[in-house]
Amino acid sequence: MLSFTGCDVLPPFVAHSAVHLNDQRYTEIADSYRQHLATAFTAEPIPYRSESGGDYTGLTYQDGSELVPGREPHGTSGFALHIAAPS
């Protein structure tokens, strides 16, 4: 939803099953997270389509807006449709 409001969205950091980590794995993930945070100002944002960028029909998502036909890369479906193809 942040991208619809014009915010850039950075790639997430995910730690699966964090509640079950042993000490060694916790340290590894903490180090990875520090590295992830260190790139916060240089990481490429996820290129989500903006709501008002011409890729969707309708004025807003609440209006039943859909992706304009022909804008989706061949074979793309689901959530990936909301990520703009490189130009």
PDB file of N, CA and C in Angstrom:
ATOM      1  N   MET A   1       0.815  -1.193   0.000  1.00  0.00           N
ATOM      2  CA  MET A   1       0.000   0.000   0.000  1.00  0.00           C
ATOM      3  C   MET A   1       0.863   1.262   0.000  1.00  0.00           C
ATOM      4  N   LEU A   2       2.071   1.174   0.509  1.00  0.00           N
ATOM      5  CA  LEU A   2       2.928   2.363   0.523  1.00  0.00           C
ATOM      6  C   LEU A   2       3.198   2.884  -0.877  1.00  0.00           C
ATOM      7  N   SER A   3       3.364   1.971  -1.828  1.00  0.00           N
ATOM      8  CA  SER A   3       3.676   2.418  -3.185  1.00  0.00           C
ATOM      9  C   SER A   3       2.521   3.187  -3.801  1.00  0.00           C
ATOM     10  N   PHE A   4       1.284   2.840  -3.450  1.00  0.00           N
ATOM     11  CA  PHE A   4       0.132   3.559  -3.991  1.00  0.00           C
ATOM     12  C   PHE A   4       0.113   5.013  -3.534  1.00  0.00           C
ATOM     13  N   THR A   5       0.733   5.294  -2.392  1.00  0.00           N
ATOM     14  CA  THR A   5       0.747   6.664  -1.878  1.00  0.00           C
ATOM     15  C   THR A   5       1.983   7.436  -2.328  1.00  0.00           C
ATOM     16  N   GLY A   6       2.820   6.804  -3.139  1.00  0.00           N
ATOM     17  CA  GLY A   6       3.995   7.489  -3.653  1.00  0.00           C
ATOM     18  C   GLY A   6       5.273   7.204  -2.894  1.00  0.00           C
ATOM     19  N   CYS A   7       5.223   6.368  -1.874  1.00  0.00           N
ATOM     20  CA  CYS A   7       6.425   6.022  -1.116  1.00  0.00           C
ATOM     21  C   CYS A   7       7.230   4.960  -1.850  1.00  0.00           C
ATOM     22  N   ASP A   8       8.537   5.027  -1.733  1.00  0.00           N
ATOM     23  CA  ASP A   8       9.380   3.950  -2.244  1.00  0.00           C
ATOM     24  C   ASP A   8       9.361   2.814  -1.230  1.00  0.00           C
ATOM     25  N   VAL A   9       9.360   1.595  -1.728  1.00  0.00           N
ATOM     26  CA  VAL A   9       9.336   0.415  -0.867  1.00  0.00           C
ATOM     27  C   VAL A   9      10.623  -0.362  -1.104  1.00  0.00           C
ATOM     28  N   LEU A  10      11.370  -0.576  -0.031  1.00  0.00           N
ATOM     29  CA  LEU A  10      12.626  -1.306  -0.136  1.00  0.00           C
ATOM     30  C   LEU A  10      12.387  -2.801   0.035  1.00  0.00           C
ATOM     31  N   PRO A  11      13.297  -3.618  -0.483  1.00  0.00           N
ATOM     32  CA  PRO A  11      13.149  -5.061  -0.301  1.00  0.00           C
ATOM     33  C   PRO A  11      13.101  -5.402   1.193  1.00  0.00           C
ATOM     34  N   PRO A  12      12.247  -6.336   1.569  1.00  0.00           N
ATOM     35  CA  PRO A  12      12.111  -6.679   2.985  1.00  0.00           C
ATOM     36  C   PRO A  12      13.259  -7.555   3.477  1.00  0.00           C
ATOM     37  N   PHE A  13      13.391  -7.626   4.777  1.00  0.00           N
ATOM     38  CA  PHE A  13      14.278  -8.596   5.408  1.00  0.00           C
ATOM     39  C   PHE A  13      13.377  -9.568   6.140  1.00  0.00           C
ATOM     40  N   VAL A  14      13.533 -10.845   5.854  1.00  0.00           N
ATOM     41  CA  VAL A  14      12.666 -11.859   6.452  1.00  0.00           C
ATOM     42  C   VAL A  14      13.529 -12.873   7.188  1.00  0.00           C
ATOM     43  N   ALA A  15      13.186 -13.138   8.432  1.00  0.00           N
ATOM     44  CA  ALA A  15      13.846 -14.180   9.219  1.00  0.00           C
ATOM     45  C   ALA A  15      12.793 -15.243   9.526  1.00  0.00           C
ATOM     46  N   HIS A  16      12.852 -16.337   8.796  1.00  0.00           N
ATOM     47  CA  HIS A  16      11.866 -17.403   8.956  1.00  0.00           C
ATOM     48  C   HIS A  16      12.077 -18.154  10.272  1.00  0.00           C
ATOM     49  N   SER A  17      10.980 -18.491  10.929  1.00  0.00           N
ATOM     50  CA  SER A  17      10.989 -19.274  12.176  1.00  0.00           C
ATOM     51  C   SER A  17      11.911 -18.662  13.225  1.00  0.00           C
ATOM     52  N   ALA A  18      11.891 -17.354  13.348  1.00  0.00           N
ATOM     53  CA  ALA A  18      12.797 -16.656  14.263  1.00  0.00           C
ATOM     54  C   ALA A  18      12.643 -17.114  15.708  1.00  0.00           C
ATOM     55  N   VAL A  19      11.461 -17.517  16.085  1.00  0.00           N
ATOM     56  CA  VAL A  19      11.230 -17.943  17.465  1.00  0.00           C
ATOM     57  C   VAL A  19      11.978 -19.242  17.790  1.00  0.00           C
ATOM     58  N   HIS A  20      12.395 -19.978  16.766  1.00  0.00           N
ATOM     59  CA  HIS A  20      13.057 -21.266  16.978  1.00  0.00           C
ATOM     60  C   HIS A  20      14.565 -21.224  16.724  1.00  0.00           C
ATOM     61  N   LEU A  21      15.157 -20.052  16.631  1.00  0.00           N
ATOM     62  CA  LEU A  21      16.583 -19.951  16.312  1.00  0.00           C
ATOM     63  C   LEU A  21      17.462 -20.347  17.488  1.00  0.00           C
ATOM     64  N   ASN A  22      18.547 -21.065  17.191  1.00  0.00           N
ATOM     65  CA  ASN A  22      19.546 -21.293  18.233  1.00  0.00           C
ATOM     66  C   ASN A  22      20.476 -20.079  18.262  1.00  0.00           C
ATOM     67  N   ASP A  23      21.385 -20.040  19.209  1.00  0.00           N
ATOM     68  CA  ASP A  23      22.244 -18.860  19.374  1.00  0.00           C
ATOM     69  C   ASP A  23      23.100 -18.576  18.141  1.00  0.00           C
ATOM     70  N   GLN A  24      23.652 -19.625  17.539  1.00  0.00           N
ATOM     71  CA  GLN A  24      24.500 -19.427  16.360  1.00  0.00           C
ATOM     72  C   GLN A  24      23.692 -18.852  15.207  1.00  0.00           C
ATOM     73  N   ARG A  25      22.526 -19.423  14.954  1.00  0.00           N
ATOM     74  CA  ARG A  25      21.693 -18.938  13.835  1.00  0.00           C
ATOM     75  C   ARG A  25      21.199 -17.520  14.112  1.00  0.00           C
ATOM     76  N   TYR A  26      20.885 -17.217  15.385  1.00  0.00           N
ATOM     77  CA  TYR A  26      20.460 -15.860  15.748  1.00  0.00           C
ATOM     78  C   TYR A  26      21.561 -14.856  15.401  1.00  0.00           C
ATOM     79  N   THR A  27      22.801 -15.195  15.746  1.00  0.00           N
ATOM     80  CA  THR A  27      23.930 -14.309  15.457  1.00  0.00           C
ATOM     81  C   THR A  27      24.092 -14.108  13.954  1.00  0.00           C
ATOM     82  N   GLU A  28      23.945 -15.190  13.176  1.00  0.00           N
ATOM     83  CA  GLU A  28      24.054 -15.087  11.715  1.00  0.00           C
ATOM     84  C   GLU A  28      22.977 -14.167  11.147  1.00  0.00           C
ATOM     85  N   ILE A  29      21.745 -14.340  11.628  1.00  0.00           N
ATOM     86  CA  ILE A  29      20.640 -13.515  11.121  1.00  0.00           C
ATOM     87  C   ILE A  29      20.804 -12.067  11.564  1.00  0.00           C
ATOM     88  N   ALA A  30      21.254 -11.853  12.794  1.00  0.00           N
ATOM     89  CA  ALA A  30      21.483 -10.482  13.270  1.00  0.00           C
ATOM     90  C   ALA A  30      22.540  -9.791  12.410  1.00  0.00           C
ATOM     91  N   ASP A  31      23.600 -10.515  12.048  1.00  0.00           N
ATOM     92  CA  ASP A  31      24.631  -9.947  11.172  1.00  0.00           C
ATOM     93  C   ASP A  31      24.055  -9.622   9.792  1.00  0.00           C
ATOM     94  N   SER A  32      23.242 -10.527   9.258  1.00  0.00           N
ATOM     95  CA  SER A  32      22.608 -10.283   7.953  1.00  0.00           C
ATOM     96  C   SER A  32      21.687  -9.069   8.014  1.00  0.00           C
ATOM     97  N   TYR A  33      20.972  -8.924   9.117  1.00  0.00           N
ATOM     98  CA  TYR A  33      20.059  -7.788   9.269  1.00  0.00           C
ATOM     99  C   TYR A  33      20.840  -6.478   9.344  1.00  0.00           C
ATOM    100  N   ARG A  34      21.965  -6.484  10.050  1.00  0.00           N
ATOM    101  CA  ARG A  34      22.809  -5.281  10.101  1.00  0.00           C
ATOM    102  C   ARG A  34      23.274  -4.893   8.693  1.00  0.00           C
ATOM    103  N   GLN A  35      23.668  -5.886   7.904  1.00  0.00           N
ATOM    104  CA  GLN A  35      24.085  -5.617   6.522  1.00  0.00           C
ATOM    105  C   GLN A  35      22.919  -5.070   5.705  1.00  0.00           C
ATOM    106  N   HIS A  36      21.735  -5.634   5.913  1.00  0.00           N
ATOM    107  CA  HIS A  36      20.539  -5.171   5.205  1.00  0.00           C
ATOM    108  C   HIS A  36      20.248  -3.705   5.553  1.00  0.00           C
ATOM    109  N   LEU A  37      20.314  -3.370   6.829  1.00  0.00           N
ATOM    110  CA  LEU A  37      20.064  -1.988   7.259  1.00  0.00           C
ATOM    111  C   LEU A  37      21.117  -1.027   6.715  1.00  0.00           C
ATOM    112  N   ALA A  38      22.347  -1.503   6.578  1.00  0.00           N
ATOM    113  CA  ALA A  38      23.425  -0.646   6.074  1.00  0.00           C
ATOM    114  C   ALA A  38      23.183  -0.216   4.629  1.00  0.00           C
ATOM    115  N   THR A  39      22.330  -0.940   3.904  1.00  0.00           N
ATOM    116  CA  THR A  39      22.047  -0.593   2.507  1.00  0.00           C
ATOM    117  C   THR A  39      20.753   0.204   2.352  1.00  0.00           C
ATOM    118  N   ALA A  40      20.149   0.598   3.454  1.00  0.00           N
ATOM    119  CA  ALA A  40      18.834   1.257   3.392  1.00  0.00           C
ATOM    120  C   ALA A  40      18.829   2.510   2.513  1.00  0.00           C
ATOM    121  N   PHE A  41      19.926   3.232   2.465  1.00  0.00           N
ATOM    122  CA  PHE A  41      19.947   4.472   1.686  1.00  0.00           C
ATOM    123  C   PHE A  41      20.494   4.286   0.271  1.00  0.00           C
ATOM    124  N   THR A  42      20.941   3.072  -0.039  1.00  0.00           N
ATOM    125  CA  THR A  42      21.484   2.814  -1.371  1.00  0.00           C
ATOM    126  C   THR A  42      20.743   1.707  -2.116  1.00  0.00           C
ATOM    127  N   ALA A  43      19.897   0.967  -1.430  1.00  0.00           N
ATOM    128  CA  ALA A  43      19.169  -0.148  -2.060  1.00  0.00           C
ATOM    129  C   ALA A  43      18.181   0.371  -3.104  1.00  0.00           C
ATOM    130  N   GLU A  44      18.021  -0.385  -4.163  1.00  0.00           N
ATOM    131  CA  GLU A  44      17.041  -0.044  -5.196  1.00  0.00           C
ATOM    132  C   GLU A  44      15.643  -0.360  -4.675  1.00  0.00           C
ATOM    133  N   PRO A  45      14.722   0.594  -4.750  1.00  0.00           N
ATOM    134  CA  PRO A  45      13.350   0.311  -4.328  1.00  0.00           C
ATOM    135  C   PRO A  45      12.695  -0.713  -5.260  1.00  0.00           C
ATOM    136  N   ILE A  46      11.716  -1.424  -4.747  1.00  0.00           N
ATOM    137  CA  ILE A  46      10.931  -2.334  -5.571  1.00  0.00           C
ATOM    138  C   ILE A  46      10.125  -1.461  -6.526  1.00  0.00           C
ATOM    139  N   PRO A  47      10.197  -1.701  -7.833  1.00  0.00           N
ATOM    140  CA  PRO A  47       9.534  -0.806  -8.795  1.00  0.00           C
ATOM    141  C   PRO A  47       8.030  -1.063  -8.937  1.00  0.00           C
ATOM    142  N   TYR A  48       7.303  -0.879  -7.832  1.00  0.00           N
ATOM    143  CA  TYR A  48       5.850  -1.048  -7.902  1.00  0.00           C
ATOM    144  C   TYR A  48       5.254  -0.011  -8.846  1.00  0.00           C
ATOM    145  N   ARG A  49       4.170  -0.372  -9.486  1.00  0.00           N
ATOM    146  CA  ARG A  49       3.433   0.570 -10.325  1.00  0.00           C
ATOM    147  C   ARG A  49       2.718   1.556  -9.402  1.00  0.00           C
ATOM    148  N   SER A  50       2.695   2.837  -9.771  1.00  0.00           N
ATOM    149  CA  SER A  50       1.959   3.802  -8.950  1.00  0.00           C
ATOM    150  C   SER A  50       0.498   3.805  -9.375  1.00  0.00           C
ATOM    151  N   GLU A  51      -0.360   4.118  -8.450  1.00  0.00           N
ATOM    152  CA  GLU A  51      -1.796   4.111  -8.723  1.00  0.00           C
ATOM    153  C   GLU A  51      -2.166   5.118  -9.802  1.00  0.00           C
ATOM    154  N   SER A  52      -1.446   6.239  -9.848  1.00  0.00           N
ATOM    155  CA  SER A  52      -1.792   7.294 -10.805  1.00  0.00           C
ATOM    156  C   SER A  52      -0.814   7.364 -11.976  1.00  0.00           C
ATOM    157  N   GLY A  53      -0.050   6.295 -12.207  1.00  0.00           N
ATOM    158  CA  GLY A  53       0.965   6.320 -13.248  1.00  0.00           C
ATOM    159  C   GLY A  53       0.494   5.883 -14.624  1.00  0.00           C
ATOM    160  N   GLY A  54      -0.810   5.606 -14.775  1.00  0.00           N
ATOM    161  CA  GLY A  54      -1.338   5.228 -16.073  1.00  0.00           C
ATOM    162  C   GLY A  54      -1.384   3.736 -16.343  1.00  0.00           C
ATOM    163  N   ASP A  55      -0.962   2.932 -15.371  1.00  0.00           N
ATOM    164  CA  ASP A  55      -0.979   1.486 -15.564  1.00  0.00           C
ATOM    165  C   ASP A  55      -2.300   0.840 -15.148  1.00  0.00           C
ATOM    166  N   TYR A  56      -3.145   1.580 -14.456  1.00  0.00           N
ATOM    167  CA  TYR A  56      -4.403   1.028 -13.954  1.00  0.00           C
ATOM    168  C   TYR A  56      -5.597   1.770 -14.536  1.00  0.00           C
ATOM    169  N   THR A  57      -6.698   1.040 -14.708  1.00  0.00           N
ATOM    170  CA  THR A  57      -7.959   1.666 -15.104  1.00  0.00           C
ATOM    171  C   THR A  57      -8.579   2.284 -13.864  1.00  0.00           C
ATOM    172  N   GLY A  58      -9.539   3.164 -14.023  1.00  0.00           N
ATOM    173  CA  GLY A  58     -10.195   3.762 -12.859  1.00  0.00           C
ATOM    174  C   GLY A  58      -9.310   4.788 -12.182  1.00  0.00           C
ATOM    175  N   LEU A  59      -9.895   5.492 -11.258  1.00  0.00           N
ATOM    176  CA  LEU A  59      -9.159   6.548 -10.567  1.00  0.00           C
ATOM    177  C   LEU A  59      -8.418   6.038  -9.354  1.00  0.00           C
ATOM    178  N   THR A  60      -9.019   5.113  -8.617  1.00  0.00           N
ATOM    179  CA  THR A  60      -8.388   4.598  -7.408  1.00  0.00           C
ATOM    180  C   THR A  60      -8.638   3.110  -7.292  1.00  0.00           C
ATOM    181  N   TYR A  61      -7.871   2.488  -6.432  1.00  0.00           N
ATOM    182  CA  TYR A  61      -8.032   1.059  -6.169  1.00  0.00           C
ATOM    183  C   TYR A  61      -9.455   0.761  -5.706  1.00  0.00           C
ATOM    184  N   GLN A  62     -10.028   1.666  -4.926  1.00  0.00           N
ATOM    185  CA  GLN A  62     -11.386   1.474  -4.419  1.00  0.00           C
ATOM    186  C   GLN A  62     -12.422   1.510  -5.537  1.00  0.00           C
ATOM    187  N   ASP A  63     -12.098   2.114  -6.673  1.00  0.00           N
ATOM    188  CA  ASP A  63     -13.026   2.181  -7.808  1.00  0.00           C
ATOM    189  C   ASP A  63     -13.049   0.886  -8.611  1.00  0.00           C
ATOM    190  N   GLY A  64     -12.335  -0.131  -8.169  1.00  0.00           N
ATOM    191  CA  GLY A  64     -12.261  -1.365  -8.932  1.00  0.00           C
ATOM    192  C   GLY A  64     -11.213  -1.285 -10.021  1.00  0.00           C
ATOM    193  N   SER A  65     -10.201  -0.492  -9.785  1.00  0.00           N
ATOM    194  CA  SER A  65      -9.126  -0.298 -10.748  1.00  0.00           C
ATOM    195  C   SER A  65      -8.455  -1.625 -11.075  1.00  0.00           C
ATOM    196  N   GLU A  66      -8.131  -1.820 -12.350  1.00  0.00           N
ATOM    197  CA  GLU A  66      -7.433  -3.018 -12.808  1.00  0.00           C
ATOM    198  C   GLU A  66      -6.262  -2.605 -13.686  1.00  0.00           C
ATOM    199  N   LEU A  67      -5.321  -3.500 -13.847  1.00  0.00           N
ATOM    200  CA  LEU A  67      -4.183  -3.233 -14.713  1.00  0.00           C
ATOM    201  C   LEU A  67      -4.665  -3.083 -16.150  1.00  0.00           C
ATOM    202  N   VAL A  68      -4.192  -2.051 -16.825  1.00  0.00           N
ATOM    203  CA  VAL A  68      -4.568  -1.809 -18.221  1.00  0.00           C
ATOM    204  C   VAL A  68      -4.115  -3.009 -19.057  1.00  0.00           C
ATOM    205  N   PRO A  69      -4.994  -3.552 -19.898  1.00  0.00           N
ATOM    206  CA  PRO A  69      -4.617  -4.698 -20.727  1.00  0.00           C
ATOM    207  C   PRO A  69      -3.358  -4.414 -21.550  1.00  0.00           C
ATOM    208  N   GLY A  70      -2.481  -5.400 -21.613  1.00  0.00           N
ATOM    209  CA  GLY A  70      -1.242  -5.270 -22.366  1.00  0.00           C
ATOM    210  C   GLY A  70      -0.064  -4.777 -21.548  1.00  0.00           C
ATOM    211  N   ARG A  71      -0.297  -4.344 -20.312  1.00  0.00           N
ATOM    212  CA  ARG A  71       0.802  -3.841 -19.470  1.00  0.00           C
ATOM    213  C   ARG A  71       1.523  -4.968 -18.728  1.00  0.00           C
ATOM    214  N   GLU A  72       0.900  -6.137 -18.668  1.00  0.00           N
ATOM    215  CA  GLU A  72       1.511  -7.226 -17.910  1.00  0.00           C
ATOM    216  C   GLU A  72       2.495  -7.999 -18.791  1.00  0.00           C
ATOM    217  N   PRO A  73       3.667  -8.309 -18.249  1.00  0.00           N
ATOM    218  CA  PRO A  73       4.603  -9.137 -19.002  1.00  0.00           C
ATOM    219  C   PRO A  73       4.008 -10.532 -19.207  1.00  0.00           C
ATOM    220  N   HIS A  74       4.295 -11.159 -20.333  1.00  0.00           N
ATOM    221  CA  HIS A  74       3.771 -12.487 -20.644  1.00  0.00           C
ATOM    222  C   HIS A  74       4.112 -13.469 -19.526  1.00  0.00           C
ATOM    223  N   GLY A  75       3.123 -14.201 -19.083  1.00  0.00           N
ATOM    224  CA  GLY A  75       3.328 -15.222 -18.066  1.00  0.00           C
ATOM    225  C   GLY A  75       3.318 -14.710 -16.640  1.00  0.00           C
ATOM    226  N   THR A  76       3.099 -13.431 -16.437  1.00  0.00           N
ATOM    227  CA  THR A  76       3.079 -12.864 -15.092  1.00  0.00           C
ATOM    228  C   THR A  76       1.667 -12.928 -14.537  1.00  0.00           C
ATOM    229  N   SER A  77       1.561 -13.265 -13.265  1.00  0.00           N
ATOM    230  CA  SER A  77       0.245 -13.313 -12.632  1.00  0.00           C
ATOM    231  C   SER A  77       0.377 -12.974 -11.157  1.00  0.00           C
ATOM    232  N   GLY A  78      -0.763 -12.818 -10.508  1.00  0.00           N
ATOM    233  CA  GLY A  78      -0.775 -12.571  -9.069  1.00  0.00           C
ATOM    234  C   GLY A  78      -0.127 -11.254  -8.681  1.00  0.00           C
ATOM    235  N   PHE A  79       0.518 -11.279  -7.524  1.00  0.00           N
ATOM    236  CA  PHE A  79       1.112 -10.078  -6.955  1.00  0.00           C
ATOM    237  C   PHE A  79       2.170  -9.466  -7.871  1.00  0.00           C
ATOM    238  N   ALA A  80       2.874 -10.295  -8.636  1.00  0.00           N
ATOM    239  CA  ALA A  80       3.943  -9.806  -9.518  1.00  0.00           C
ATOM    240  C   ALA A  80       3.433  -8.828 -10.568  1.00  0.00           C
ATOM    241  N   LEU A  81       2.129  -8.832 -10.849  1.00  0.00           N
ATOM    242  CA  LEU A  81       1.574  -7.884 -11.817  1.00  0.00           C
ATOM    243  C   LEU A  81       1.746  -6.436 -11.371  1.00  0.00           C
ATOM    244  N   HIS A  82       1.886  -6.213 -10.078  1.00  0.00           N
ATOM    245  CA  HIS A  82       1.989  -4.854  -9.552  1.00  0.00           C
ATOM    246  C   HIS A  82       3.413  -4.306  -9.595  1.00  0.00           C
ATOM    247  N   ILE A  83       4.352  -5.111 -10.057  1.00  0.00           N
ATOM    248  CA  ILE A  83       5.732  -4.657 -10.192  1.00  0.00           C
ATOM    249  C   ILE A  83       5.971  -4.315 -11.657  1.00  0.00           C
ATOM    250  N   ALA A  84       6.414  -3.102 -11.898  1.00  0.00           N
ATOM    251  CA  ALA A  84       6.622  -2.629 -13.272  1.00  0.00           C
ATOM    252  C   ALA A  84       7.798  -3.352 -13.915  1.00  0.00           C
ATOM    253  N   ALA A  85       7.638  -3.682 -15.174  1.00  0.00           N
ATOM    254  CA  ALA A  85       8.724  -4.310 -15.931  1.00  0.00           C
ATOM    255  C   ALA A  85       9.805  -3.272 -16.191  1.00  0.00           C
ATOM    256  N   PRO A  86      11.072  -3.695 -16.209  1.00  0.00           N
ATOM    257  CA  PRO A  86      12.138  -2.737 -16.526  1.00  0.00           C
ATOM    258  C   PRO A  86      11.927  -2.146 -17.915  1.00  0.00           C
ATOM    259  N   SER A  87      12.218  -0.859 -18.035  1.00  0.00           N
ATOM    260  CA  SER A  87      12.022  -0.215 -19.343  1.00  0.00           C
ATOM    261  C   SER A  87      13.291  -0.177 -20.142  1.00  0.00           C
TER     262      SER A  87
END
